[in-house]
């Protein structure tokens, strides 16, 4: 079936060239997504793609263009350029207008870091906002991760979140605060936690791990997916809700999530806006353990 954005969804039989294939039968093929009702899901997807056709089409372009097995920086740059294009588009502008004026609160110590011997623990610390990721949180996270990047005596990195959630994604009250999309692109790519986490995982493997719980959404999921080992609690929910903002994942998720679950299921998470539970995340390979 072709959706309003020109995106083709396969039905029942896995199709490599489709955005993804829907089936009502259990299937381990990463090109497929098992749903309770194919017809109902198609109706939902048609409605969402009809409301955000530009964003859906750009996401499809990016996921087809980025090679998740290639250099991480190339994928992050391509993703960010597409994200900036959408920041200048009508669908994001509509979301900003619907949201209205907003100011993200400045909270003290948005990230806490502690070290014991060779283990560095890094914790998101905006529990009042489900650890929504802000500019000051990104700066603090980078500062903490830089210790591990530069000091070879750090042998383990553990990323976690305080309060009820690991990280609920970008702080929506901060969206639209950059002066222009070009500046936002440079900030995303020159100060990228994704690139540092990727480097640390290359060095530490499973000893660079994320411990996730509660809301694991948007940028929170994207960053966790870069870690070499992701452990989830049974209460976690996972999703990529950016389409409803007129945006695509912008914290490196088109690379990190795709590496773990393939472009087809990544595309489904974006287009559908649906969240998945830990058992599905484990079956897909989005997390490595549920404890």
C-alpha atoms as a PDB file:
ATOM      1  CA  UNK A   1       0.000   0.000   0.000  1.00  0.00           C
ATOM      2  CA  UNK A   2       1.270   3.469  -0.886  1.00  0.00           C
ATOM      3  CA  UNK A   3       0.691   6.103   1.798  1.00  0.00           C
ATOM      4  CA  UNK A   4       0.114   9.812   1.101  1.00  0.00           C
ATOM      5  CA  UNK A   5       3.831  10.597   1.460  1.00  0.00           C
ATOM      6  CA  UNK A   6       4.612   8.130  -1.353  1.00  0.00           C
ATOM      7  CA  UNK A   7       5.827   5.531   1.153  1.00  0.00           C
ATOM      8  CA  UNK A   8       5.113   1.905   0.305  1.00  0.00           C
ATOM      9  CA  UNK A   9       4.151  -0.490   3.109  1.00  0.00           C
ATOM     10  CA  UNK A  10       4.150  -4.201   2.444  1.00  0.00           C
ATOM     11  CA  UNK A  11       1.447  -6.494   3.795  1.00  0.00           C
ATOM     12  CA  UNK A  12       2.025 -10.026   5.154  1.00  0.00           C
ATOM     13  CA  UNK A  13       4.967 -10.975   2.865  1.00  0.00           C
ATOM     14  CA  UNK A  14       8.286  -9.232   3.720  1.00  0.00           C
ATOM     15  CA  UNK A  15       9.346  -6.799   1.023  1.00  0.00           C
ATOM     16  CA  UNK A  16      12.923  -5.516   1.111  1.00  0.00           C
ATOM     17  CA  UNK A  17      12.199  -2.265  -0.750  1.00  0.00           C
ATOM     18  CA  UNK A  18       9.139  -1.354   1.317  1.00  0.00           C
ATOM     19  CA  UNK A  19       9.362   1.036   4.245  1.00  0.00           C
ATOM     20  CA  UNK A  20       8.330  -2.003   6.313  1.00  0.00           C
ATOM     21  CA  UNK A  21       5.913  -4.908   6.081  1.00  0.00           C
ATOM     22  CA  UNK A  22       2.924  -5.372   8.382  1.00  0.00           C
ATOM     23  CA  UNK A  23       1.700  -8.798   9.414  1.00  0.00           C
ATOM     24  CA  UNK A  24      -0.726 -10.212  11.963  1.00  0.00           C
ATOM     25  CA  UNK A  25       1.417 -13.335  12.394  1.00  0.00           C
ATOM     26  CA  UNK A  26       4.485 -13.599  14.600  1.00  0.00           C
ATOM     27  CA  UNK A  27       7.574 -13.089  12.459  1.00  0.00           C
ATOM     28  CA  UNK A  28      11.232 -12.679  13.340  1.00  0.00           C
ATOM     29  CA  UNK A  29      12.150 -11.047  10.040  1.00  0.00           C
ATOM     30  CA  UNK A  30      13.371  -7.535  10.918  1.00  0.00           C
ATOM     31  CA  UNK A  31      11.649  -6.160   7.799  1.00  0.00           C
ATOM     32  CA  UNK A  32       8.291  -6.951   9.405  1.00  0.00           C
ATOM     33  CA  UNK A  33       6.209  -5.590  12.262  1.00  0.00           C
ATOM     34  CA  UNK A  34       3.528  -7.760  13.843  1.00  0.00           C
ATOM     35  CA  UNK A  35       0.339  -5.845  14.657  1.00  0.00           C
ATOM     36  CA  UNK A  36      -3.087  -6.801  15.968  1.00  0.00           C
ATOM     37  CA  UNK A  37      -4.850  -5.450  12.861  1.00  0.00           C
ATOM     38  CA  UNK A  38      -3.147  -4.674   9.566  1.00  0.00           C
ATOM     39  CA  UNK A  39      -6.118  -2.705   8.231  1.00  0.00           C
ATOM     40  CA  UNK A  40      -6.423  -0.558  11.346  1.00  0.00           C
ATOM     41  CA  UNK A  41      -2.684   0.108  11.392  1.00  0.00           C
ATOM     42  CA  UNK A  42      -2.718   1.108   7.742  1.00  0.00           C
ATOM     43  CA  UNK A  43      -5.543   3.562   8.442  1.00  0.00           C
ATOM     44  CA  UNK A  44      -3.552   5.092  11.307  1.00  0.00           C
ATOM     45  CA  UNK A  45      -0.428   5.345   9.181  1.00  0.00           C
ATOM     46  CA  UNK A  46      -2.340   6.947   6.310  1.00  0.00           C
ATOM     47  CA  UNK A  47      -3.775   9.542   8.696  1.00  0.00           C
ATOM     48  CA  UNK A  48      -0.368  10.353  10.218  1.00  0.00           C
ATOM     49  CA  UNK A  49       1.429  10.521   6.874  1.00  0.00           C
ATOM     50  CA  UNK A  50      -1.374  12.680   5.542  1.00  0.00           C
ATOM     51  CA  UNK A  51      -0.851  15.150   8.380  1.00  0.00           C
ATOM     52  CA  UNK A  52       2.971  15.134   8.223  1.00  0.00           C
ATOM     53  CA  UNK A  53       3.766  14.142   4.612  1.00  0.00           C
ATOM     54  CA  UNK A  54       7.018  16.092   4.315  1.00  0.00           C
ATOM     55  CA  UNK A  55       8.414  14.738   7.564  1.00  0.00           C
ATOM     56  CA  UNK A  56       7.448  11.169   6.709  1.00  0.00           C
ATOM     57  CA  UNK A  57       9.054  11.408   3.268  1.00  0.00           C
ATOM     58  CA  UNK A  58      12.269  12.959   4.631  1.00  0.00           C
ATOM     59  CA  UNK A  59      12.533  10.241   7.268  1.00  0.00           C
ATOM     60  CA  UNK A  60      12.158   7.584   4.585  1.00  0.00           C
ATOM     61  CA  UNK A  61      14.878   9.291   2.525  1.00  0.00           C
ATOM     62  CA  UNK A  62      17.273   9.446   5.465  1.00  0.00           C
ATOM     63  CA  UNK A  63      16.775   5.864   6.565  1.00  0.00           C
ATOM     64  CA  UNK A  64      17.338   4.622   3.021  1.00  0.00           C
ATOM     65  CA  UNK A  65      20.425   6.821   2.582  1.00  0.00           C
ATOM     66  CA  UNK A  66      22.255   6.233   5.853  1.00  0.00           C
ATOM     67  CA  UNK A  67      24.458   3.135   6.027  1.00  0.00           C
ATOM     68  CA  UNK A  68      24.263   1.988   9.669  1.00  0.00           C
ATOM     69  CA  UNK A  69      27.368  -0.174   9.140  1.00  0.00           C
ATOM     70  CA  UNK A  70      29.376   2.791   7.878  1.00  0.00           C
ATOM     71  CA  UNK A  71      31.084   5.653   9.732  1.00  0.00           C
ATOM     72  CA  UNK A  72      28.861   7.026  12.468  1.00  0.00           C
ATOM     73  CA  UNK A  73      29.753  10.656  11.837  1.00  0.00           C
ATOM     74  CA  UNK A  74      28.587  10.498   8.214  1.00  0.00           C
ATOM     75  CA  UNK A  75      25.201   9.194   9.325  1.00  0.00           C
ATOM     76  CA  UNK A  76      24.855  11.751  12.110  1.00  0.00           C
ATOM     77  CA  UNK A  77      25.682  14.606   9.729  1.00  0.00           C
ATOM     78  CA  UNK A  78      23.181  13.397   7.105  1.00  0.00           C
ATOM     79  CA  UNK A  79      20.490  13.032   9.764  1.00  0.00           C
ATOM     80  CA  UNK A  80      21.188  16.490  11.174  1.00  0.00           C
ATOM     81  CA  UNK A  81      21.049  18.178   7.772  1.00  0.00           C
ATOM     82  CA  UNK A  82      17.650  16.595   7.144  1.00  0.00           C
ATOM     83  CA  UNK A  83      16.514  17.588  10.654  1.00  0.00           C
ATOM     84  CA  UNK A  84      17.546  21.197  10.007  1.00  0.00           C
ATOM     85  CA  UNK A  85      15.648  21.164   6.715  1.00  0.00           C
ATOM     86  CA  UNK A  86      12.511  20.161   8.613  1.00  0.00           C
ATOM     87  CA  UNK A  87      13.147  22.812  11.276  1.00  0.00           C
ATOM     88  CA  UNK A  88      12.731  25.349   8.471  1.00  0.00           C
ATOM     89  CA  UNK A  89       9.618  23.609   7.152  1.00  0.00           C
ATOM     90  CA  UNK A  90       5.906  24.235   7.505  1.00  0.00           C
ATOM     91  CA  UNK A  91       5.097  21.142   9.565  1.00  0.00           C
ATOM     92  CA  UNK A  92       7.466  22.055  12.396  1.00  0.00           C
ATOM     93  CA  UNK A  93       6.278  25.667  12.190  1.00  0.00           C
ATOM     94  CA  UNK A  94       2.698  24.449  12.612  1.00  0.00           C
ATOM     95  CA  UNK A  95       3.659  22.466  15.693  1.00  0.00           C
ATOM     96  CA  UNK A  96       5.433  25.485  17.201  1.00  0.00           C
ATOM     97  CA  UNK A  97       2.360  27.636  16.582  1.00  0.00           C
ATOM     98  CA  UNK A  98       0.086  25.046  18.183  1.00  0.00           C
ATOM     99  CA  UNK A  99       2.389  24.740  21.182  1.00  0.00           C
ATOM    100  CA  UNK A 100       2.679  28.490  21.661  1.00  0.00           C
ATOM    101  CA  UNK A 101       5.428  30.384  23.511  1.00  0.00           C
ATOM    102  CA  UNK A 102       7.399  28.321  26.012  1.00  0.00           C
ATOM    103  CA  UNK A 103      10.548  28.529  28.080  1.00  0.00           C
ATOM    104  CA  UNK A 104      12.377  25.492  29.378  1.00  0.00           C
ATOM    105  CA  UNK A 105      13.201  25.741  33.082  1.00  0.00           C
ATOM    106  CA  UNK A 106      16.836  25.836  34.090  1.00  0.00           C
ATOM    107  CA  UNK A 107      17.348  23.086  36.642  1.00  0.00           C
ATOM    108  CA  UNK A 108      20.559  22.656  38.652  1.00  0.00           C
ATOM    109  CA  UNK A 109      22.910  19.764  37.906  1.00  0.00           C
ATOM    110  CA  UNK A 110      21.053  18.353  34.873  1.00  0.00           C
ATOM    111  CA  UNK A 111      23.571  15.517  34.749  1.00  0.00           C
ATOM    112  CA  UNK A 112      25.388  13.963  37.711  1.00  0.00           C
ATOM    113  CA  UNK A 113      28.622  12.034  37.324  1.00  0.00           C
ATOM    114  CA  UNK A 114      30.554   9.990  39.863  1.00  0.00           C
ATOM    115  CA  UNK A 115      33.565   7.759  39.619  1.00  0.00           C
ATOM    116  CA  UNK A 116      34.624   4.758  41.672  1.00  0.00           C
ATOM    117  CA  UNK A 117      37.944   3.284  40.571  1.00  0.00           C
ATOM    118  CA  UNK A 118      37.589   2.579  36.843  1.00  0.00           C
ATOM    119  CA  UNK A 119      33.808   2.933  36.709  1.00  0.00           C
ATOM    120  CA  UNK A 120      32.195   6.221  35.644  1.00  0.00           C
ATOM    121  CA  UNK A 121      28.477   6.554  36.403  1.00  0.00           C
ATOM    122  CA  UNK A 122      26.584   9.240  34.488  1.00  0.00           C
ATOM    123  CA  UNK A 123      22.987  10.014  35.483  1.00  0.00           C
ATOM    124  CA  UNK A 124      20.420  12.283  33.844  1.00  0.00           C
ATOM    125  CA  UNK A 125      19.143  14.481  36.666  1.00  0.00           C
ATOM    126  CA  UNK A 126      16.026  16.389  35.621  1.00  0.00           C
ATOM    127  CA  UNK A 127      13.516  14.013  37.252  1.00  0.00           C
ATOM    128  CA  UNK A 128      10.848  16.725  37.485  1.00  0.00           C
ATOM    129  CA  UNK A 129      10.615  16.556  33.671  1.00  0.00           C
ATOM    130  CA  UNK A 130      11.268  12.847  33.198  1.00  0.00           C
ATOM    131  CA  UNK A 131      14.872  13.829  32.363  1.00  0.00           C
ATOM    132  CA  UNK A 132      13.803  15.661  29.207  1.00  0.00           C
ATOM    133  CA  UNK A 133      17.000  16.428  27.322  1.00  0.00           C
ATOM    134  CA  UNK A 134      17.927  20.120  27.210  1.00  0.00           C
ATOM    135  CA  UNK A 135      20.861  22.171  25.933  1.00  0.00           C
ATOM    136  CA  UNK A 136      22.373  22.418  29.394  1.00  0.00           C
ATOM    137  CA  UNK A 137      21.905  18.671  29.909  1.00  0.00           C
ATOM    138  CA  UNK A 138      23.723  18.004  26.634  1.00  0.00           C
ATOM    139  CA  UNK A 139      26.643  20.205  27.703  1.00  0.00           C
ATOM    140  CA  UNK A 140      26.839  18.489  31.095  1.00  0.00           C
ATOM    141  CA  UNK A 141      26.592  15.031  29.520  1.00  0.00           C
ATOM    142  CA  UNK A 142      29.403  15.815  27.108  1.00  0.00           C
ATOM    143  CA  UNK A 143      31.556  17.113  29.927  1.00  0.00           C
ATOM    144  CA  UNK A 144      31.052  13.883  31.876  1.00  0.00           C
ATOM    145  CA  UNK A 145      31.627  11.613  28.882  1.00  0.00           C
ATOM    146  CA  UNK A 146      34.751  13.518  27.908  1.00  0.00           C
ATOM    147  CA  UNK A 147      36.379  12.226  31.104  1.00  0.00           C
ATOM    148  CA  UNK A 148      35.900   8.668  29.903  1.00  0.00           C
ATOM    149  CA  UNK A 149      36.917   9.498  26.359  1.00  0.00           C
ATOM    150  CA  UNK A 150      40.242  11.046  27.375  1.00  0.00           C
ATOM    151  CA  UNK A 151      41.159   8.873  30.363  1.00  0.00           C
ATOM    152  CA  UNK A 152      42.066   5.277  29.448  1.00  0.00           C
ATOM    153  CA  UNK A 153      41.865   4.283  33.127  1.00  0.00           C
ATOM    154  CA  UNK A 154      38.070   4.568  32.856  1.00  0.00           C
ATOM    155  CA  UNK A 155      37.151   0.976  32.115  1.00  0.00           C
ATOM    156  CA  UNK A 156      33.374   1.132  32.471  1.00  0.00           C
ATOM    157  CA  UNK A 157      30.677   3.739  31.740  1.00  0.00           C
ATOM    158  CA  UNK A 158      27.110   3.404  33.019  1.00  0.00           C
ATOM    159  CA  UNK A 159      24.398   5.762  31.744  1.00  0.00           C
ATOM    160  CA  UNK A 160      21.172   6.012  33.776  1.00  0.00           C
ATOM    161  CA  UNK A 161      18.367   8.383  34.767  1.00  0.00           C
ATOM    162  CA  UNK A 162      17.124   9.709  38.112  1.00  0.00           C
ATOM    163  CA  UNK A 163      13.472   9.531  39.090  1.00  0.00           C
ATOM    164  CA  UNK A 164      10.675   7.834  37.171  1.00  0.00           C
ATOM    165  CA  UNK A 165      12.272   7.752  33.713  1.00  0.00           C
ATOM    166  CA  UNK A 166      15.566   7.295  31.937  1.00  0.00           C
ATOM    167  CA  UNK A 167      14.952  10.116  29.444  1.00  0.00           C
ATOM    168  CA  UNK A 168      11.714  11.242  27.811  1.00  0.00           C
ATOM    169  CA  UNK A 169      13.445  12.849  24.811  1.00  0.00           C
ATOM    170  CA  UNK A 170      14.144  16.467  23.976  1.00  0.00           C
ATOM    171  CA  UNK A 171      12.644  19.135  26.222  1.00  0.00           C
ATOM    172  CA  UNK A 172       9.746  20.348  24.069  1.00  0.00           C
ATOM    173  CA  UNK A 173       9.686  23.758  25.747  1.00  0.00           C
ATOM    174  CA  UNK A 174      13.155  24.388  24.337  1.00  0.00           C
ATOM    175  CA  UNK A 175      12.335  23.442  20.743  1.00  0.00           C
ATOM    176  CA  UNK A 176      12.529  26.346  18.325  1.00  0.00           C
ATOM    177  CA  UNK A 177      14.902  28.345  20.531  1.00  0.00           C
ATOM    178  CA  UNK A 178      17.867  28.248  18.138  1.00  0.00           C
ATOM    179  CA  UNK A 179      18.273  31.350  16.007  1.00  0.00           C
ATOM    180  CA  UNK A 180      18.385  29.389  12.741  1.00  0.00           C
ATOM    181  CA  UNK A 181      18.568  25.782  11.479  1.00  0.00           C
ATOM    182  CA  UNK A 182      22.212  26.119  10.422  1.00  0.00           C
ATOM    183  CA  UNK A 183      23.273  27.012  13.964  1.00  0.00           C
ATOM    184  CA  UNK A 184      21.230  24.112  15.290  1.00  0.00           C
ATOM    185  CA  UNK A 185      22.945  21.735  12.842  1.00  0.00           C
ATOM    186  CA  UNK A 186      26.398  22.877  13.917  1.00  0.00           C
ATOM    187  CA  UNK A 187      25.477  22.469  17.580  1.00  0.00           C
ATOM    188  CA  UNK A 188      24.145  18.935  16.997  1.00  0.00           C
ATOM    189  CA  UNK A 189      27.177  17.750  15.037  1.00  0.00           C
ATOM    190  CA  UNK A 190      30.011  19.606  16.819  1.00  0.00           C
ATOM    191  CA  UNK A 191      28.693  18.791  20.269  1.00  0.00           C
ATOM    192  CA  UNK A 192      27.241  15.323  19.797  1.00  0.00           C
ATOM    193  CA  UNK A 193      26.817  12.852  22.683  1.00  0.00           C
ATOM    194  CA  UNK A 194      26.059  10.240  20.027  1.00  0.00           C
ATOM    195  CA  UNK A 195      29.556  10.444  18.581  1.00  0.00           C
ATOM    196  CA  UNK A 196      31.199  10.223  22.009  1.00  0.00           C
ATOM    197  CA  UNK A 197      29.040   7.281  23.099  1.00  0.00           C
ATOM    198  CA  UNK A 198      29.822   5.544  19.822  1.00  0.00           C
ATOM    199  CA  UNK A 199      33.551   6.064  20.423  1.00  0.00           C
ATOM    200  CA  UNK A 200      33.301   4.784  23.987  1.00  0.00           C
ATOM    201  CA  UNK A 201      31.381   1.691  22.873  1.00  0.00           C
ATOM    202  CA  UNK A 202      34.023   0.985  20.249  1.00  0.00           C
ATOM    203  CA  UNK A 203      36.598   0.972  23.058  1.00  0.00           C
ATOM    204  CA  UNK A 204      34.647  -0.572  25.922  1.00  0.00           C
ATOM    205  CA  UNK A 205      32.045  -2.758  24.223  1.00  0.00           C
ATOM    206  CA  UNK A 206      29.504  -4.068  26.741  1.00  0.00           C
ATOM    207  CA  UNK A 207      31.241  -2.103  29.486  1.00  0.00           C
ATOM    208  CA  UNK A 208      29.627   1.019  28.039  1.00  0.00           C
ATOM    209  CA  UNK A 209      26.059   0.342  29.042  1.00  0.00           C
ATOM    210  CA  UNK A 210      22.741   2.057  29.570  1.00  0.00           C
ATOM    211  CA  UNK A 211      20.359   1.146  32.394  1.00  0.00           C
ATOM    212  CA  UNK A 212      16.919   2.339  31.280  1.00  0.00           C
ATOM    213  CA  UNK A 213      13.494   2.537  32.878  1.00  0.00           C
ATOM    214  CA  UNK A 214      10.217   4.419  32.582  1.00  0.00           C
ATOM    215  CA  UNK A 215      10.077   6.627  29.508  1.00  0.00           C
ATOM    216  CA  UNK A 216      12.850   5.850  27.026  1.00  0.00           C
ATOM    217  CA  UNK A 217      11.772   8.088  24.176  1.00  0.00           C
ATOM    218  CA  UNK A 218      13.221  10.164  21.375  1.00  0.00           C
ATOM    219  CA  UNK A 219      16.763  11.289  22.080  1.00  0.00           C
ATOM    220  CA  UNK A 220      16.818   9.162  25.231  1.00  0.00           C
ATOM    221  CA  UNK A 221      16.323   6.004  23.193  1.00  0.00           C
ATOM    222  CA  UNK A 222      18.678   7.215  20.471  1.00  0.00           C
ATOM    223  CA  UNK A 223      21.556   7.781  22.908  1.00  0.00           C
ATOM    224  CA  UNK A 224      20.977   4.555  24.840  1.00  0.00           C
ATOM    225  CA  UNK A 225      21.087   2.592  21.592  1.00  0.00           C
ATOM    226  CA  UNK A 226      24.688   3.674  21.045  1.00  0.00           C
ATOM    227  CA  UNK A 227      25.772   1.869  24.201  1.00  0.00           C
ATOM    228  CA  UNK A 228      27.281  -1.580  23.913  1.00  0.00           C
ATOM    229  CA  UNK A 229      24.758  -3.092  26.334  1.00  0.00           C
ATOM    230  CA  UNK A 230      21.268  -1.834  27.200  1.00  0.00           C
ATOM    231  CA  UNK A 231      19.460  -3.205  30.254  1.00  0.00           C
ATOM    232  CA  UNK A 232      15.768  -2.360  30.710  1.00  0.00           C
ATOM    233  CA  UNK A 233      13.451  -2.643  33.666  1.00  0.00           C
ATOM    234  CA  UNK A 234      10.051  -4.302  33.006  1.00  0.00           C
ATOM    235  CA  UNK A 235       8.238  -0.939  33.284  1.00  0.00           C
ATOM    236  CA  UNK A 236      10.015   0.813  30.397  1.00  0.00           C
ATOM    237  CA  UNK A 237       8.353   2.134  27.226  1.00  0.00           C
ATOM    238  CA  UNK A 238      10.292   2.814  24.034  1.00  0.00           C
ATOM    239  CA  UNK A 239       9.393   5.068  21.138  1.00  0.00           C
ATOM    240  CA  UNK A 240      10.364   7.699  18.580  1.00  0.00           C
ATOM    241  CA  UNK A 241       7.597  10.353  18.730  1.00  0.00           C
ATOM    242  CA  UNK A 242       9.261  13.056  16.627  1.00  0.00           C
ATOM    243  CA  UNK A 243       6.927  12.844  13.599  1.00  0.00           C
ATOM    244  CA  UNK A 244       4.138  14.613  15.496  1.00  0.00           C
ATOM    245  CA  UNK A 245       6.465  17.608  15.887  1.00  0.00           C
ATOM    246  CA  UNK A 246       7.215  17.725  12.173  1.00  0.00           C
ATOM    247  CA  UNK A 247      10.707  16.340  12.838  1.00  0.00           C
ATOM    248  CA  UNK A 248      12.703  13.120  12.566  1.00  0.00           C
ATOM    249  CA  UNK A 249      15.028  11.611  15.190  1.00  0.00           C
ATOM    250  CA  UNK A 250      17.843  14.116  15.660  1.00  0.00           C
ATOM    251  CA  UNK A 251      20.192  12.665  18.283  1.00  0.00           C
ATOM    252  CA  UNK A 252      21.763  10.077  16.004  1.00  0.00           C
ATOM    253  CA  UNK A 253      18.888   7.613  16.162  1.00  0.00           C
ATOM    254  CA  UNK A 254      18.710   6.962  12.431  1.00  0.00           C
ATOM    255  CA  UNK A 255      22.103   5.339  12.942  1.00  0.00           C
ATOM    256  CA  UNK A 256      21.956   3.853  16.451  1.00  0.00           C
ATOM    257  CA  UNK A 257      18.406   2.502  16.437  1.00  0.00           C
ATOM    258  CA  UNK A 258      18.747   1.261  12.862  1.00  0.00           C
ATOM    259  CA  UNK A 259      21.902  -0.640  13.771  1.00  0.00           C
ATOM    260  CA  UNK A 260      19.968  -2.488  16.407  1.00  0.00           C
ATOM    261  CA  UNK A 261      16.609  -3.173  14.738  1.00  0.00           C
ATOM    262  CA  UNK A 262      16.997  -2.352  11.029  1.00  0.00           C
ATOM    263  CA  UNK A 263      15.612   0.567   9.035  1.00  0.00           C
ATOM    264  CA  UNK A 264      12.198  -1.077   8.592  1.00  0.00           C
ATOM    265  CA  UNK A 265      11.260  -1.270  12.266  1.00  0.00           C
ATOM    266  CA  UNK A 266      12.892   2.108  12.902  1.00  0.00           C
ATOM    267  CA  UNK A 267      10.648   3.573  10.220  1.00  0.00           C
ATOM    268  CA  UNK A 268       7.606   1.945  11.792  1.00  0.00           C
ATOM    269  CA  UNK A 269       8.391   3.487  15.179  1.00  0.00           C
ATOM    270  CA  UNK A 270       8.663   6.923  13.573  1.00  0.00           C
ATOM    271  CA  UNK A 271       5.632   6.744  11.284  1.00  0.00           C
ATOM    272  CA  UNK A 272       3.306   5.049  13.760  1.00  0.00           C
ATOM    273  CA  UNK A 273       4.398   6.981  16.848  1.00  0.00           C
ATOM    274  CA  UNK A 274       3.619   3.811  18.783  1.00  0.00           C
ATOM    275  CA  UNK A 275       5.586   2.820  21.865  1.00  0.00           C
ATOM    276  CA  UNK A 276       6.775  -0.735  22.392  1.00  0.00           C
ATOM    277  CA  UNK A 277       7.250  -2.656  25.615  1.00  0.00           C
ATOM    278  CA  UNK A 278      10.456  -4.252  26.916  1.00  0.00           C
ATOM    279  CA  UNK A 279       9.595  -7.743  25.676  1.00  0.00           C
ATOM    280  CA  UNK A 280       9.187  -6.429  22.122  1.00  0.00           C
ATOM    281  CA  UNK A 281      12.311  -4.307  22.476  1.00  0.00           C
ATOM    282  CA  UNK A 282      14.222  -7.389  23.572  1.00  0.00           C
ATOM    283  CA  UNK A 283      12.883  -9.522  20.738  1.00  0.00           C
ATOM    284  CA  UNK A 284      13.821  -6.828  18.225  1.00  0.00           C
ATOM    285  CA  UNK A 285      17.311  -6.303  19.697  1.00  0.00           C
ATOM    286  CA  UNK A 286      16.657  -2.756  20.839  1.00  0.00           C
ATOM    287  CA  UNK A 287      17.672  -3.794  24.374  1.00  0.00           C
ATOM    288  CA  UNK A 288      19.953  -6.626  25.434  1.00  0.00           C
ATOM    289  CA  UNK A 289      18.346  -7.650  28.733  1.00  0.00           C
ATOM    290  CA  UNK A 290      15.237  -7.036  30.837  1.00  0.00           C
ATOM    291  CA  UNK A 291      15.806  -7.214  34.564  1.00  0.00           C
END
